[in-house]
Amino acid sequence: MTSQKNKIAIIIPYFGQWPEWIDLHFYSCGQNLFIDWLFFTDCPIPKTHSTNLSFYSFSFDEYCNDVSRKLKINFHPDKYYKLCDLKPFYGYIHADIISEYDFWGFGDIDVIWW
C-alpha cells in the first residue's frame, strides 16, 4: 500500500512590516513540505524561499475591498489585527485559490512550525 499525503493549505493574511524574526518562520514553514503556505501581504516578498510558500501581493485596502465584495459586507477596519475576525471565512474568501486542496486552515507568523 502506498501512502499519499493530503494537500493542505494554510492561509496567512499579514500586512504592515515583517518582524525581524520572519526568516525563522519562513524556514519552519519550508520544513513542512506537505503543507502549502499562502501569504496575502503588502510586505516585501523574500527573494529566497521554499517552493511551498506562495505570496500574493495586496495593499491592505485592496484586500479589504476584496473581502467586502466576496462576503457582501463593508469590511474596512482601521487596524490590521481585525483580520482575525475573518478567520472562519478565509476558505470562502480564497475559494478560487484553495480549490485544489483537500484541507485548509489559517495560521499566523508568530509560530515556528516543527
N, C-alpha and C. Protein backbone atom coordinates (compact mmCIF):
# COMPACT_ATOMS: atom_id res chain seq x y z
N MET A 1 0.84 -1.17 0.00
CA MET A 1 0.00 0.00 0.00
C MET A 1 0.89 1.24 0.00
N THR A 2 0.56 2.18 -0.85
CA THR A 2 1.31 3.43 -0.87
C THR A 2 0.53 4.49 -0.12
N SER A 3 1.24 5.37 0.51
CA SER A 3 0.56 6.45 1.21
C SER A 3 0.73 7.73 0.42
N GLN A 4 -0.34 8.48 0.35
CA GLN A 4 -0.32 9.75 -0.35
C GLN A 4 -0.75 10.82 0.64
N LYS A 5 0.04 11.85 0.75
CA LYS A 5 -0.30 12.93 1.66
C LYS A 5 -1.41 13.78 1.08
N ASN A 6 -2.26 14.26 1.97
CA ASN A 6 -3.32 15.17 1.54
C ASN A 6 -2.72 16.52 1.21
N LYS A 7 -3.39 17.23 0.34
CA LYS A 7 -2.96 18.58 0.02
C LYS A 7 -3.59 19.55 1.02
N ILE A 8 -2.73 20.25 1.73
CA ILE A 8 -3.17 21.16 2.79
C ILE A 8 -2.65 22.56 2.49
N ALA A 9 -3.51 23.56 2.66
CA ALA A 9 -3.12 24.96 2.53
C ALA A 9 -3.35 25.68 3.84
N ILE A 10 -2.39 26.48 4.24
CA ILE A 10 -2.55 27.36 5.40
C ILE A 10 -2.57 28.79 4.89
N ILE A 11 -3.64 29.51 5.21
CA ILE A 11 -3.85 30.88 4.74
C ILE A 11 -3.39 31.85 5.82
N ILE A 12 -2.51 32.79 5.41
CA ILE A 12 -1.98 33.77 6.37
C ILE A 12 -2.00 35.17 5.75
N PRO A 13 -3.05 35.95 6.02
CA PRO A 13 -3.00 37.36 5.63
C PRO A 13 -2.15 38.12 6.65
N TYR A 14 -1.22 38.91 6.18
CA TYR A 14 -0.37 39.69 7.09
C TYR A 14 0.01 41.00 6.40
N PHE A 15 -0.26 42.10 7.06
CA PHE A 15 0.01 43.42 6.50
C PHE A 15 0.81 44.25 7.48
N GLY A 16 1.57 45.17 6.94
CA GLY A 16 2.39 46.03 7.78
C GLY A 16 3.85 45.86 7.46
N GLN A 17 4.59 45.33 8.41
CA GLN A 17 6.03 45.12 8.25
C GLN A 17 6.38 43.76 8.84
N TRP A 18 7.18 42.97 8.11
CA TRP A 18 7.62 41.68 8.65
C TRP A 18 8.40 41.93 9.93
N PRO A 19 8.22 41.08 10.94
CA PRO A 19 9.06 41.20 12.15
C PRO A 19 10.49 40.74 11.84
N GLU A 20 11.41 41.09 12.70
CA GLU A 20 12.83 40.79 12.44
C GLU A 20 13.11 39.29 12.40
N TRP A 21 12.26 38.48 12.98
CA TRP A 21 12.48 37.03 13.02
C TRP A 21 11.70 36.28 11.93
N ILE A 22 11.17 36.96 10.94
CA ILE A 22 10.31 36.32 9.95
C ILE A 22 11.03 35.21 9.18
N ASP A 23 12.33 35.35 8.99
CA ASP A 23 13.06 34.29 8.27
C ASP A 23 12.98 32.95 9.00
N LEU A 24 12.92 32.97 10.33
CA LEU A 24 12.75 31.73 11.10
C LEU A 24 11.38 31.11 10.82
N HIS A 25 10.38 31.95 10.75
CA HIS A 25 9.03 31.46 10.44
C HIS A 25 9.00 30.83 9.05
N PHE A 26 9.53 31.56 8.06
CA PHE A 26 9.56 31.03 6.70
C PHE A 26 10.35 29.73 6.62
N TYR A 27 11.46 29.66 7.32
CA TYR A 27 12.27 28.44 7.34
C TYR A 27 11.45 27.27 7.91
N SER A 28 10.75 27.52 9.02
CA SER A 28 9.98 26.44 9.64
C SER A 28 8.84 25.99 8.71
N CYS A 29 8.22 26.91 8.03
CA CYS A 29 7.18 26.53 7.06
C CYS A 29 7.79 25.66 5.95
N GLY A 30 8.97 26.04 5.50
CA GLY A 30 9.64 25.31 4.44
C GLY A 30 10.01 23.89 4.83
N GLN A 31 10.09 23.61 6.12
CA GLN A 31 10.41 22.27 6.58
C GLN A 31 9.19 21.34 6.58
N ASN A 32 8.02 21.92 6.36
CA ASN A 32 6.77 21.16 6.32
C ASN A 32 6.27 21.12 4.88
N LEU A 33 6.92 20.33 4.07
CA LEU A 33 6.68 20.32 2.63
C LEU A 33 5.31 19.76 2.23
N PHE A 34 4.63 19.09 3.14
CA PHE A 34 3.30 18.57 2.83
C PHE A 34 2.22 19.63 3.00
N ILE A 35 2.62 20.85 3.38
CA ILE A 35 1.70 21.97 3.55
C ILE A 35 2.14 23.09 2.62
N ASP A 36 1.17 23.71 1.96
CA ASP A 36 1.43 24.93 1.20
C ASP A 36 1.00 26.12 2.06
N TRP A 37 1.87 27.08 2.17
CA TRP A 37 1.65 28.27 2.99
C TRP A 37 1.33 29.43 2.05
N LEU A 38 0.15 30.02 2.20
CA LEU A 38 -0.32 31.07 1.31
C LEU A 38 -0.36 32.39 2.07
N PHE A 39 0.54 33.30 1.73
CA PHE A 39 0.64 34.60 2.39
C PHE A 39 0.00 35.68 1.52
N PHE A 40 -0.91 36.44 2.10
CA PHE A 40 -1.52 37.60 1.45
C PHE A 40 -0.98 38.81 2.18
N THR A 41 -0.22 39.66 1.47
CA THR A 41 0.55 40.65 2.19
C THR A 41 0.91 41.86 1.34
N ASP A 42 1.25 42.93 2.04
CA ASP A 42 1.83 44.10 1.38
C ASP A 42 3.31 44.22 1.72
N CYS A 43 3.84 43.23 2.43
CA CYS A 43 5.25 43.21 2.81
C CYS A 43 6.09 42.76 1.62
N PRO A 44 7.39 43.10 1.63
CA PRO A 44 8.26 42.64 0.55
C PRO A 44 8.31 41.10 0.51
N ILE A 45 8.25 40.58 -0.68
CA ILE A 45 8.32 39.13 -0.86
C ILE A 45 9.78 38.73 -0.80
N PRO A 46 10.12 37.74 0.04
CA PRO A 46 11.53 37.36 0.16
C PRO A 46 12.08 36.84 -1.17
N LYS A 47 13.32 37.20 -1.44
CA LYS A 47 13.95 36.77 -2.69
C LYS A 47 14.15 35.25 -2.71
N THR A 48 14.46 34.68 -1.57
CA THR A 48 14.68 33.25 -1.47
C THR A 48 13.68 32.67 -0.47
N HIS A 49 12.96 31.66 -0.91
CA HIS A 49 12.04 30.98 0.00
C HIS A 49 11.72 29.60 -0.57
N SER A 50 11.14 28.77 0.26
CA SER A 50 10.81 27.40 -0.14
C SER A 50 9.72 27.38 -1.19
N THR A 51 9.69 26.30 -1.95
CA THR A 51 8.70 26.17 -3.02
C THR A 51 7.27 26.01 -2.49
N ASN A 52 7.11 25.68 -1.23
CA ASN A 52 5.76 25.51 -0.67
C ASN A 52 5.23 26.80 -0.02
N LEU A 53 5.93 27.91 -0.22
CA LEU A 53 5.46 29.22 0.24
C LEU A 53 5.03 30.02 -0.98
N SER A 54 3.81 30.54 -0.96
CA SER A 54 3.30 31.39 -2.03
C SER A 54 2.92 32.74 -1.45
N PHE A 55 3.21 33.78 -2.20
CA PHE A 55 2.95 35.15 -1.75
C PHE A 55 2.04 35.85 -2.76
N TYR A 56 0.98 36.46 -2.24
CA TYR A 56 0.03 37.21 -3.05
C TYR A 56 0.09 38.66 -2.59
N SER A 57 0.48 39.55 -3.48
CA SER A 57 0.67 40.95 -3.13
C SER A 57 -0.64 41.72 -3.21
N PHE A 58 -1.01 42.31 -2.10
CA PHE A 58 -2.19 43.15 -1.98
C PHE A 58 -1.85 44.32 -1.07
N SER A 59 -2.42 45.48 -1.32
CA SER A 59 -2.40 46.51 -0.29
C SER A 59 -3.50 46.12 0.71
N PHE A 60 -3.45 46.67 1.89
CA PHE A 60 -4.48 46.37 2.88
C PHE A 60 -5.85 46.79 2.35
N ASP A 61 -5.92 47.96 1.73
CA ASP A 61 -7.19 48.43 1.17
C ASP A 61 -7.71 47.49 0.08
N GLU A 62 -6.82 47.03 -0.80
CA GLU A 62 -7.23 46.10 -1.85
C GLU A 62 -7.78 44.81 -1.24
N TYR A 63 -7.09 44.31 -0.22
CA TYR A 63 -7.53 43.08 0.43
C TYR A 63 -8.90 43.27 1.07
N CYS A 64 -9.08 44.38 1.78
CA CYS A 64 -10.37 44.67 2.42
C CYS A 64 -11.48 44.85 1.39
N ASN A 65 -11.17 45.48 0.26
CA ASN A 65 -12.16 45.61 -0.81
C ASN A 65 -12.56 44.24 -1.35
N ASP A 66 -11.58 43.36 -1.51
CA ASP A 66 -11.85 42.01 -2.00
C ASP A 66 -12.74 41.25 -1.00
N VAL A 67 -12.40 41.35 0.28
CA VAL A 67 -13.20 40.71 1.33
C VAL A 67 -14.62 41.26 1.32
N SER A 68 -14.74 42.58 1.24
CA SER A 68 -16.07 43.21 1.24
C SER A 68 -16.92 42.71 0.07
N ARG A 69 -16.30 42.62 -1.10
CA ARG A 69 -17.02 42.17 -2.29
C ARG A 69 -17.45 40.70 -2.15
N LYS A 70 -16.53 39.86 -1.70
CA LYS A 70 -16.83 38.42 -1.63
C LYS A 70 -17.82 38.08 -0.53
N LEU A 71 -17.73 38.77 0.61
CA LEU A 71 -18.63 38.49 1.73
C LEU A 71 -19.88 39.37 1.70
N LYS A 72 -19.92 40.31 0.77
CA LYS A 72 -21.05 41.24 0.66
C LYS A 72 -21.29 41.99 1.97
N ILE A 73 -20.18 42.50 2.52
CA ILE A 73 -20.22 43.31 3.74
C ILE A 73 -19.31 44.51 3.53
N ASN A 74 -19.35 45.42 4.46
CA ASN A 74 -18.43 46.56 4.44
C ASN A 74 -17.32 46.25 5.45
N PHE A 75 -16.19 45.78 4.95
CA PHE A 75 -15.07 45.42 5.83
C PHE A 75 -13.90 46.34 5.52
N HIS A 76 -13.76 47.39 6.31
CA HIS A 76 -12.66 48.35 6.15
C HIS A 76 -12.18 48.80 7.53
N PRO A 77 -11.57 47.88 8.28
CA PRO A 77 -11.12 48.23 9.64
C PRO A 77 -9.91 49.16 9.62
N ASP A 78 -9.72 49.85 10.73
CA ASP A 78 -8.57 50.74 10.88
C ASP A 78 -7.29 49.98 11.22
N LYS A 79 -7.42 48.83 11.84
CA LYS A 79 -6.27 48.07 12.33
C LYS A 79 -6.17 46.72 11.63
N TYR A 80 -4.94 46.33 11.34
CA TYR A 80 -4.69 45.04 10.67
C TYR A 80 -5.19 43.86 11.48
N TYR A 81 -5.10 43.95 12.81
CA TYR A 81 -5.43 42.79 13.64
C TYR A 81 -6.89 42.38 13.50
N LYS A 82 -7.73 43.24 12.96
CA LYS A 82 -9.13 42.89 12.77
C LYS A 82 -9.31 41.80 11.71
N LEU A 83 -8.25 41.49 10.96
CA LEU A 83 -8.32 40.37 10.03
C LEU A 83 -8.63 39.07 10.77
N CYS A 84 -8.28 39.01 12.05
CA CYS A 84 -8.55 37.81 12.85
C CYS A 84 -10.05 37.49 12.87
N ASP A 85 -10.88 38.51 12.76
CA ASP A 85 -12.33 38.29 12.75
C ASP A 85 -12.78 37.49 11.54
N LEU A 86 -11.96 37.46 10.51
CA LEU A 86 -12.31 36.78 9.26
C LEU A 86 -11.88 35.32 9.20
N LYS A 87 -11.11 34.85 10.15
CA LYS A 87 -10.51 33.51 10.06
C LYS A 87 -11.50 32.42 9.63
N PRO A 88 -12.71 32.36 10.19
CA PRO A 88 -13.62 31.30 9.75
C PRO A 88 -14.03 31.41 8.28
N PHE A 89 -13.84 32.59 7.69
CA PHE A 89 -14.26 32.84 6.31
C PHE A 89 -13.14 32.75 5.30
N TYR A 90 -11.91 32.53 5.73
CA TYR A 90 -10.77 32.51 4.80
C TYR A 90 -10.98 31.51 3.66
N GLY A 91 -11.55 30.37 3.96
CA GLY A 91 -11.80 29.37 2.92
C GLY A 91 -12.75 29.88 1.85
N TYR A 92 -13.75 30.61 2.26
CA TYR A 92 -14.70 31.20 1.31
C TYR A 92 -14.06 32.35 0.55
N ILE A 93 -13.36 33.21 1.27
CA ILE A 93 -12.73 34.38 0.66
C ILE A 93 -11.72 33.95 -0.41
N HIS A 94 -10.97 32.88 -0.12
CA HIS A 94 -9.91 32.43 -1.02
C HIS A 94 -10.26 31.13 -1.75
N ALA A 95 -11.56 30.89 -1.93
CA ALA A 95 -12.02 29.64 -2.54
C ALA A 95 -11.40 29.41 -3.92
N ASP A 96 -11.19 30.46 -4.68
CA ASP A 96 -10.61 30.30 -6.01
C ASP A 96 -9.18 29.80 -5.95
N ILE A 97 -8.46 30.14 -4.91
CA ILE A 97 -7.05 29.75 -4.78
C ILE A 97 -6.90 28.38 -4.14
N ILE A 98 -7.79 28.04 -3.22
CA ILE A 98 -7.62 26.78 -2.48
C ILE A 98 -8.47 25.64 -3.03
N SER A 99 -9.07 25.81 -4.17
CA SER A 99 -9.96 24.78 -4.71
C SER A 99 -9.25 23.44 -4.95
N GLU A 100 -7.96 23.45 -5.18
CA GLU A 100 -7.22 22.21 -5.44
C GLU A 100 -6.80 21.47 -4.17
N TYR A 101 -7.07 22.06 -3.02
CA TYR A 101 -6.63 21.47 -1.75
C TYR A 101 -7.71 20.60 -1.13
N ASP A 102 -7.27 19.57 -0.39
CA ASP A 102 -8.19 18.73 0.37
C ASP A 102 -8.63 19.42 1.65
N PHE A 103 -7.70 20.15 2.26
CA PHE A 103 -7.96 20.82 3.54
C PHE A 103 -7.31 22.19 3.53
N TRP A 104 -7.86 23.10 4.32
CA TRP A 104 -7.24 24.41 4.51
C TRP A 104 -7.36 24.77 5.99
N GLY A 105 -6.49 25.66 6.39
CA GLY A 105 -6.52 26.17 7.75
C GLY A 105 -5.97 27.59 7.73
N PHE A 106 -5.88 28.17 8.89
CA PHE A 106 -5.29 29.50 8.97
C PHE A 106 -4.17 29.48 9.98
N GLY A 107 -3.26 30.40 9.82
CA GLY A 107 -2.12 30.47 10.72
C GLY A 107 -1.74 31.92 10.96
N ASP A 108 -0.66 32.07 11.68
CA ASP A 108 -0.12 33.39 11.95
C ASP A 108 1.39 33.28 11.93
N ILE A 109 2.06 34.39 11.86
CA ILE A 109 3.51 34.36 11.71
C ILE A 109 4.26 34.28 13.03
N ASP A 110 3.54 34.23 14.15
CA ASP A 110 4.21 34.13 15.45
C ASP A 110 4.38 32.69 15.90
N VAL A 111 4.45 31.78 14.94
CA VAL A 111 4.58 30.35 15.22
C VAL A 111 5.80 29.81 14.46
N ILE A 112 6.57 28.96 15.12
CA ILE A 112 7.62 28.19 14.45
C ILE A 112 7.09 26.78 14.31
N TRP A 113 6.94 26.33 13.08
CA TRP A 113 6.35 25.02 12.79
C TRP A 113 7.47 23.98 12.71
N TRP A 114 7.36 22.97 13.51
CA TRP A 114 8.40 21.94 13.50
C TRP A 114 7.84 20.58 13.43
